[in-house]
Amino acid sequence: VQLQASGGGLVQAGGSLRLSCAASGSVFRHNVMGWYRQAPGKQRELVATISSGGVTNYQDSAKGRFTISRDGAKNTVYLQMNRLKPDDTAVYYCKLAYGGHDYWGQGTEVTVSS
């Protein structure tokens, strides 16, 4: 399984970005896809996850600003990020999990300027 993330970039505070992550290979249809982020000097943390059944989970700081969604036919997960803050600056990683296995994408960098 391979994950390819895209959509990061530089944006001003208050702006928006949409991240995408496409999974390829032998992807079991019952899985959980999600986004995590790692800011400089900090540990990687959960941003949001979505199951193949559409159940979502968000970190508190993402609630109301970020929306995770997925296209099952394309094995793609999206993260719409609105009202971005400088604290959202980080490398964002997508993850696919099923059957006790975790697969990670390469990360896409998001920088929010104040």
Protein backbone atom coordinates (compact mmCIF):
# COMPACT_ATOMS: atom_id res chain seq x y z
CA VAL A 1 0.00 0.00 0.00
CA GLN A 2 1.26 3.47 -0.89
CA LEU A 3 -0.12 6.83 0.14
CA GLN A 4 0.47 10.03 -1.81
CA ALA A 5 -0.37 13.27 -0.06
CA SER A 6 -0.67 16.67 -1.69
CA GLY A 7 -2.17 20.11 -1.21
CA GLY A 8 0.10 21.73 1.34
CA GLY A 9 1.52 25.20 0.94
CA LEU A 10 1.89 28.66 2.37
CA VAL A 11 -1.25 30.53 3.37
CA GLN A 12 -2.06 33.58 5.45
CA ALA A 13 -3.89 33.26 8.73
CA GLY A 14 -7.61 32.97 8.12
CA GLY A 15 -7.10 31.29 4.78
CA SER A 16 -7.94 27.81 3.59
CA LEU A 17 -6.21 24.76 2.17
CA ARG A 18 -7.42 21.38 1.01
CA LEU A 19 -5.20 18.36 1.49
CA SER A 20 -5.63 15.16 -0.47
CA CYS A 21 -4.20 11.70 0.06
CA ALA A 22 -4.64 8.87 -2.39
CA ALA A 23 -4.01 5.25 -1.43
CA SER A 24 -2.92 2.71 -4.00
CA GLY A 25 -2.21 -0.99 -3.90
CA SER A 26 -4.16 -3.67 -2.09
CA VAL A 27 -6.41 -1.57 0.12
CA PHE A 28 -8.88 -3.49 2.23
CA ARG A 29 -12.21 -1.77 1.91
CA HIS A 30 -12.89 -1.65 5.66
CA ASN A 31 -10.32 0.79 6.95
CA VAL A 32 -9.74 4.07 8.71
CA MET A 33 -7.99 6.94 6.99
CA GLY A 34 -6.78 9.99 8.78
CA TRP A 35 -4.60 13.03 8.99
CA TYR A 36 -1.92 13.68 11.56
CA ARG A 37 0.49 16.55 11.89
CA GLN A 38 3.86 17.24 13.36
CA ALA A 39 5.03 20.74 14.17
CA PRO A 40 8.72 21.52 14.63
CA GLY A 41 9.93 20.24 17.98
CA LYS A 42 6.64 18.54 18.77
CA GLN A 43 5.27 15.03 18.61
CA ARG A 44 3.01 13.87 15.83
CA GLU A 45 -0.63 14.37 16.75
CA LEU A 46 -4.01 13.33 15.45
CA VAL A 47 -5.96 15.89 13.43
CA ALA A 48 -8.92 13.87 12.16
CA THR A 49 -9.91 10.39 11.08
CA ILE A 50 -12.71 8.89 9.04
CA SER A 51 -13.75 5.28 8.78
CA SER A 52 -14.86 3.52 5.63
CA GLY A 53 -18.37 3.85 7.05
CA GLY A 54 -18.03 7.62 7.32
CA VAL A 55 -17.58 7.93 11.08
CA THR A 56 -15.36 10.92 11.84
CA ASN A 57 -13.23 11.94 14.78
CA TYR A 58 -11.52 15.30 15.26
CA GLN A 59 -8.92 16.78 17.54
CA ASP A 60 -10.51 19.56 19.55
CA SER A 61 -8.54 22.31 17.81
CA ALA A 62 -9.78 21.08 14.43
CA LYS A 63 -13.46 20.95 15.29
CA GLY A 64 -15.47 23.58 13.48
CA ARG A 65 -12.58 24.56 11.20
CA PHE A 66 -11.47 21.35 9.49
CA THR A 67 -13.57 18.80 7.63
CA ILE A 68 -12.37 15.32 6.75
CA SER A 69 -14.02 13.41 3.94
CA ARG A 70 -13.26 10.50 1.68
CA ASP A 71 -14.00 9.06 -1.71
CA GLY A 72 -14.21 5.31 -1.28
CA ALA A 73 -14.09 4.59 -4.98
CA LYS A 74 -10.80 6.47 -5.27
CA ASN A 75 -9.37 5.41 -1.89
CA THR A 76 -8.75 9.08 -1.29
CA VAL A 77 -9.12 11.11 1.88
CA TYR A 78 -9.39 14.89 2.01
CA LEU A 79 -8.90 17.49 4.70
CA GLN A 80 -10.54 20.84 4.12
CA MET A 81 -8.91 23.34 6.45
CA ASN A 82 -10.56 26.70 6.97
CA ARG A 83 -9.75 29.66 9.22
CA LEU A 84 -6.17 28.50 9.46
CA LYS A 85 -4.01 29.76 12.30
CA PRO A 86 -0.22 30.00 12.66
CA ASP A 87 -0.48 27.16 15.21
CA ASP A 88 -1.65 24.92 12.37
CA THR A 89 1.80 25.13 10.80
CA ALA A 90 3.16 21.60 10.56
CA VAL A 91 3.90 18.72 8.25
CA TYR A 92 0.64 16.88 7.67
CA TYR A 93 0.71 13.12 7.21
CA CYS A 94 -2.06 10.86 6.04
CA LYS A 95 -2.49 7.37 7.42
CA LEU A 96 -4.41 4.31 6.37
CA ALA A 97 -5.11 1.70 9.02
CA TYR A 98 -6.66 -1.76 8.81
CA GLY A 99 -6.05 -5.21 10.14
CA GLY A 100 -3.55 -3.96 12.70
CA HIS A 101 -1.38 -2.31 10.05
CA ASP A 102 -0.64 1.38 9.65
CA TYR A 103 0.49 2.88 6.35
CA TRP A 104 1.81 6.43 6.20
CA GLY A 105 2.12 8.95 3.42
CA GLN A 106 5.20 11.09 2.92
CA GLY A 107 3.79 14.26 4.45
CA THR A 108 2.86 17.61 3.02
CA GLU A 109 3.96 20.86 4.59
CA VAL A 110 1.50 23.52 5.67
CA THR A 111 2.76 26.94 6.70
CA VAL A 112 0.39 29.56 8.03
CA SER A 113 1.76 33.08 8.24
CA SER A 114 0.44 35.63 10.70
